[in-house]
Protein backbone atom coordinates (compact mmCIF):
# COMPACT_ATOMS: atom_id res chain seq x y z
CA MET A 1 -98.07 -40.05 35.88
CA SER A 2 -97.06 -43.63 36.65
CA ARG A 3 -96.27 -46.26 34.02
CA ILE A 4 -99.54 -48.02 34.89
CA ASP A 5 -101.58 -44.83 34.46
CA GLN A 6 -99.79 -43.96 31.22
CA THR A 7 -100.53 -47.43 29.85
CA PHE A 8 -104.25 -47.20 30.52
CA VAL A 9 -104.47 -43.67 29.10
CA ARG A 10 -102.76 -44.80 25.90
CA LEU A 11 -104.97 -47.86 25.56
CA ALA A 12 -108.12 -45.79 26.11
CA GLN A 13 -107.03 -43.43 23.36
CA GLU A 14 -106.46 -46.44 21.07
CA GLY A 15 -109.78 -48.05 22.01
CA ARG A 16 -108.00 -51.18 23.25
CA ARG A 17 -107.95 -53.24 26.43
CA ALA A 18 -104.90 -54.12 28.52
CA LEU A 19 -103.61 -57.67 28.38
CA ILE A 20 -101.98 -58.62 31.68
CA PRO A 21 -100.28 -62.02 31.94
CA PHE A 22 -99.30 -63.64 35.22
CA VAL A 23 -96.15 -65.74 35.53
CA THR A 24 -94.37 -67.06 38.60
CA VAL A 25 -90.72 -66.03 38.80
CA GLY A 26 -88.51 -69.11 39.07
CA ASP A 27 -90.76 -71.38 37.01
CA PRO A 28 -89.35 -73.43 35.31
CA ASN A 29 -86.15 -71.86 36.68
CA LEU A 30 -84.82 -68.45 37.58
CA ALA A 31 -82.74 -68.10 34.41
CA SER A 32 -85.93 -68.37 32.30
CA ALA A 33 -87.60 -65.34 33.90
CA LEU A 34 -86.04 -62.63 31.77
CA PRO A 35 -86.48 -64.44 28.42
CA ILE A 36 -90.14 -65.09 29.34
CA MET A 37 -90.70 -61.41 30.14
CA ARG A 38 -89.11 -60.42 26.84
CA ALA A 39 -91.37 -62.86 24.99
CA LEU A 40 -94.44 -61.45 26.73
CA VAL A 41 -93.55 -57.91 25.69
CA GLN A 42 -92.92 -59.01 22.12
CA ALA A 43 -96.30 -60.76 22.13
CA GLY A 44 -98.02 -57.47 22.91
CA VAL A 45 -98.79 -57.49 26.62
CA ASP A 46 -99.37 -54.19 28.40
CA ILE A 47 -98.57 -54.96 32.06
CA ILE A 48 -96.80 -57.98 33.54
CA GLU A 49 -97.83 -59.51 36.85
CA LEU A 50 -94.94 -61.37 38.44
CA GLY A 51 -95.86 -63.98 41.02
CA VAL A 52 -93.70 -64.10 44.13
CA PRO A 53 -93.31 -67.81 45.06
CA PHE A 54 -94.98 -68.67 48.36
CA SER A 55 -95.50 -71.96 50.16
CA ASP A 56 -99.03 -71.43 51.51
CA PRO A 57 -101.21 -69.66 48.92
CA MET A 58 -104.89 -69.10 49.59
CA ALA A 59 -106.20 -67.80 46.26
CA ASP A 60 -104.16 -69.87 43.81
CA GLY A 61 -105.49 -73.06 42.28
CA PRO A 62 -103.45 -76.23 41.64
CA VAL A 63 -101.76 -74.98 38.46
CA ILE A 64 -100.27 -71.86 40.04
CA GLN A 65 -99.59 -73.72 43.31
CA ARG A 66 -97.40 -76.12 41.36
CA ALA A 67 -95.62 -73.17 39.72
CA SER A 68 -94.77 -71.80 43.17
CA GLU A 69 -93.59 -75.22 44.29
CA ARG A 70 -91.26 -75.52 41.30
CA ALA A 71 -89.86 -72.04 41.96
CA LEU A 72 -89.41 -72.71 45.67
CA ASN A 73 -87.59 -75.92 44.84
CA HIS A 74 -85.07 -73.71 43.04
CA GLY A 75 -84.77 -71.52 46.15
CA VAL A 76 -86.44 -68.51 44.51
CA GLY A 77 -87.77 -65.85 46.86
CA LEU A 78 -88.79 -62.21 47.00
CA ARG A 79 -85.26 -60.84 46.63
CA ASP A 80 -84.79 -62.92 43.48
CA VAL A 81 -88.01 -61.47 42.07
CA LEU A 82 -86.77 -57.95 42.76
CA ALA A 83 -83.44 -58.76 41.11
CA CYS A 84 -85.34 -60.03 38.07
CA VAL A 85 -87.20 -56.72 37.81
CA ARG A 86 -83.90 -54.85 38.03
CA GLN A 87 -82.56 -56.88 35.10
CA PHE A 88 -85.71 -56.25 33.09
CA ARG A 89 -85.57 -52.52 33.71
CA ALA A 90 -82.02 -52.37 32.30
CA GLU A 91 -83.59 -53.00 28.89
CA ASN A 92 -87.24 -51.99 29.26
CA GLN A 93 -88.32 -48.75 30.94
CA THR A 94 -91.91 -48.70 29.69
CA THR A 95 -93.77 -51.95 30.50
CA PRO A 96 -95.33 -51.76 33.98
CA ILE A 97 -94.49 -54.53 36.44
CA VAL A 98 -96.83 -55.58 39.26
CA LEU A 99 -95.76 -58.03 41.95
CA MET A 100 -98.50 -60.42 43.05
CA GLY A 101 -98.22 -62.55 46.13
CA TYR A 102 -98.75 -62.81 49.86
CA ALA A 103 -97.94 -60.77 52.95
CA ASN A 104 -95.47 -63.09 54.67
CA PRO A 105 -92.39 -62.46 52.46
CA ILE A 106 -93.07 -58.71 52.56
CA GLU A 107 -93.51 -58.65 56.34
CA ARG A 108 -90.32 -60.65 56.72
CA MET A 109 -88.40 -58.04 54.70
CA GLY A 110 -90.25 -55.16 56.38
CA LEU A 111 -92.83 -52.97 54.68
CA ASP A 112 -90.66 -49.88 54.37
CA ALA A 113 -87.63 -51.87 53.22
CA PHE A 114 -89.76 -53.68 50.65
CA ALA A 115 -91.27 -50.45 49.34
CA GLU A 116 -87.82 -48.90 49.02
CA ALA A 117 -86.40 -51.96 47.26
CA ALA A 118 -89.38 -52.27 44.92
CA GLN A 119 -89.19 -48.63 43.87
CA THR A 120 -85.44 -48.83 43.38
CA VAL A 121 -85.59 -51.77 40.96
CA GLY A 122 -88.55 -50.41 38.99
CA VAL A 123 -91.67 -52.15 40.31
CA ASP A 124 -94.86 -50.20 39.58
CA GLY A 125 -97.45 -51.86 41.79
CA VAL A 126 -98.22 -54.65 44.22
CA LEU A 127 -101.21 -56.93 44.73
CA VAL A 128 -100.99 -58.70 48.06
CA VAL A 129 -103.83 -61.20 48.37
CA ASP A 130 -103.94 -61.32 52.16
CA TYR A 131 -103.76 -57.57 52.76
CA PRO A 132 -107.49 -56.74 52.55
CA PRO A 133 -108.31 -53.02 52.51
CA GLU A 134 -109.48 -53.14 56.14
CA GLU A 135 -106.01 -54.28 57.25
CA SER A 136 -103.68 -52.61 54.76
CA GLU A 137 -103.22 -49.11 56.14
CA ARG A 138 -99.50 -49.67 56.71
CA LEU A 139 -99.01 -51.27 53.30
CA LEU A 140 -100.89 -48.49 51.51
CA ALA A 141 -98.90 -45.79 53.31
CA ALA A 142 -95.58 -47.47 52.49
CA MET A 143 -96.51 -47.92 48.82
CA ASP A 144 -97.91 -44.40 48.46
CA ALA A 145 -94.72 -42.96 49.94
CA LYS A 146 -92.73 -44.57 47.11
CA GLY A 147 -95.22 -43.90 44.33
CA LEU A 148 -96.20 -47.55 43.97
CA ALA A 149 -99.76 -48.64 43.16
CA THR A 150 -101.54 -50.82 45.70
CA ILE A 151 -103.97 -53.03 43.78
CA TYR A 152 -106.95 -54.64 45.46
CA LEU A 153 -109.27 -57.53 44.68
CA LEU A 154 -113.03 -57.50 44.30
CA SER A 155 -115.18 -60.57 43.75
CA PRO A 156 -118.71 -61.64 42.80
CA THR A 157 -119.65 -61.52 46.48
CA SER A 158 -118.28 -58.02 47.13
CA THR A 159 -120.91 -55.75 48.64
CA THR A 160 -121.48 -52.13 47.71
CA GLU A 161 -119.79 -51.11 50.97
CA ARG A 162 -116.73 -53.20 50.12
CA ILE A 163 -116.58 -51.76 46.60
CA LYS A 164 -116.68 -48.23 48.03
CA LEU A 165 -113.88 -49.08 50.47
CA VAL A 166 -111.68 -50.48 47.70
CA ALA A 167 -112.44 -47.41 45.59
CA LYS A 168 -110.85 -45.24 48.31
CA CYS A 169 -107.72 -47.37 48.65
CA ALA A 170 -106.97 -48.72 45.20
CA ARG A 171 -104.29 -47.30 42.94
CA GLY A 172 -103.44 -48.24 39.35
CA TYR A 173 -106.32 -50.62 38.70
CA VAL A 174 -108.72 -52.91 40.53
CA TYR A 175 -108.58 -56.66 39.96
CA TYR A 176 -112.04 -58.25 39.73
CA VAL A 177 -111.99 -61.98 40.46
CA SER A 178 -114.65 -63.35 38.11
CA LEU A 179 -115.23 -66.67 39.90
CA LYS A 180 -116.17 -67.86 43.36
CA GLY A 181 -113.10 -70.02 43.76
CA VAL A 182 -109.37 -70.19 43.16
CA THR A 183 -107.38 -69.44 40.03
CA GLY A 184 -108.09 -71.75 37.12
CA ALA A 185 -111.43 -72.89 38.53
CA GLY A 186 -114.81 -73.03 36.87
CA HIS A 187 -116.32 -71.50 33.76
CA ILE A 188 -116.55 -67.74 33.46
CA ASP A 189 -120.01 -66.22 32.89
CA THR A 190 -119.24 -63.16 30.78
CA ASP A 191 -122.76 -61.75 31.16
CA GLU A 192 -122.47 -61.87 34.94
CA VAL A 193 -119.00 -60.31 34.72
CA ALA A 194 -120.41 -57.44 32.64
CA ARG A 195 -123.15 -56.86 35.20
CA LYS A 196 -120.71 -56.78 38.12
CA ILE A 197 -118.22 -54.55 36.27
CA ALA A 198 -121.01 -52.03 35.67
CA GLU A 199 -121.79 -52.07 39.40
CA ILE A 200 -118.12 -51.65 40.34
CA LYS A 201 -117.63 -48.76 37.93
CA GLN A 202 -120.39 -46.81 39.63
CA HIS A 203 -117.92 -46.33 42.48
CA VAL A 204 -114.41 -47.18 41.18
CA LYS A 205 -113.02 -44.51 38.89
CA ILE A 206 -109.74 -46.21 37.99
CA PRO A 207 -109.49 -49.07 35.46
CA VAL A 208 -110.97 -52.45 36.30
CA GLY A 209 -109.29 -55.66 35.16
CA VAL A 210 -110.82 -59.13 35.20
CA GLY A 211 -109.01 -62.36 35.99
CA PHE A 212 -109.69 -66.03 36.89
CA GLY A 213 -111.23 -68.34 34.31
CA ILE A 214 -110.03 -66.61 31.12
CA ARG A 215 -108.40 -69.27 28.98
CA ASP A 216 -108.61 -68.19 25.33
CA GLY A 217 -108.82 -65.25 22.97
CA ALA A 218 -112.58 -65.39 22.51
CA THR A 219 -113.25 -65.15 26.24
CA ALA A 220 -110.62 -62.44 26.62
CA LYS A 221 -112.30 -60.40 23.91
CA ALA A 222 -115.75 -60.90 25.45
CA VAL A 223 -114.51 -59.80 28.87
CA GLY A 224 -112.74 -56.83 27.30
CA ALA A 225 -116.06 -55.55 26.00
CA THR A 226 -116.76 -54.20 29.50
CA ALA A 227 -113.48 -54.47 31.45
CA ASP A 228 -110.42 -52.27 30.99
CA ALA A 229 -108.00 -55.17 31.29
CA VAL A 230 -107.88 -58.94 30.99
CA VAL A 231 -105.63 -60.93 33.34
CA ILE A 232 -104.58 -64.45 32.34
CA GLY A 233 -102.63 -66.69 34.69
CA SER A 234 -103.41 -70.41 34.92
CA ARG A 235 -103.72 -70.93 31.17
CA ILE A 236 -100.28 -69.38 30.67
CA VAL A 237 -98.74 -71.35 33.51
CA GLN A 238 -100.07 -74.55 31.92
CA GLU A 239 -97.67 -73.84 29.05
CA PHE A 240 -94.85 -73.93 31.59
CA GLU A 241 -95.90 -77.43 32.60
CA ALA A 242 -95.93 -78.56 28.97
CA SER A 243 -92.54 -76.98 28.23
CA ASP A 244 -88.99 -77.01 29.42
CA ALA A 245 -86.49 -74.21 29.89
CA SER A 246 -85.38 -74.43 26.26
CA ASN A 247 -88.76 -73.65 24.71
CA VAL A 248 -90.97 -72.16 27.41
CA ALA A 249 -90.49 -68.52 26.34
CA ALA A 250 -91.40 -69.31 22.74
CA ARG A 251 -94.48 -71.33 23.72
CA VAL A 252 -95.74 -68.70 26.15
CA GLY A 253 -95.09 -65.93 23.64
CA LYS A 254 -97.06 -67.76 20.94
CA LEU A 255 -100.06 -68.32 23.21
CA VAL A 256 -100.14 -64.73 24.42
CA ALA A 257 -99.74 -63.34 20.90
CA GLU A 258 -102.79 -65.35 19.82
CA ILE A 259 -104.83 -63.93 22.68
CA ARG A 260 -103.65 -60.40 21.90
CA HIS A 261 -104.63 -60.83 18.26
CA ALA A 262 -108.10 -62.04 19.25
CA MET A 263 -108.59 -59.12 21.63
CA ASP A 264 -107.62 -56.59 18.96
CA ALA A 265 -109.64 -58.16 16.13
CA PRO A 266 -112.57 -56.07 14.82
């Protein structure tokens, strides 16, 4: 059983929901990545999504776009992200790591070479925004061959046919995008999220996480009433913009710990 699967089994037994933060590796600099990951673990996260910096994102809003720009300005790329995971695994063998990004850096490395490298350093899953299920046969095969979870997106506009297709392909968990827009946009309607999660779970038998638009503990708790996981990205990355390398880990850890506490409160 993979680290991702073990995590969700444990949380289900505890009656808790997974908290999954997103951070971009290289923001505010590459040296901060490991201290930030340590702070996230200490704050009580269950899975960490690491953003691979990319110059032309299509799903990320302005906050996360700026995070990628800052990382790219430091010359951070996919191989640096993999090296960061290797460092993390030297001290933490239990917290699952998911890489989130776009196809171009992976294609440039080569699918099989990427899968091999990701498995070697201790990556557990990948979410590649521009590999839709209809076009990801090669990606899925490469990831499956190395025991890595391929995670797919669903959205408010996903049809029943699309949900069924994702149900066949997805490993680890499914990421439900709660808003019609980019990361950090709009106001989340938790009632509508609950309705769509119920529809998705008629077909998807692995855990379903919800991201986009979750900015505080109260919303995270409300979403967790029906979802198996809560993903928070833009709100966390905003702490990066308000911090510097000397205090970013502490600030991010404090924010995430507050959200964790709210999610676990009776």
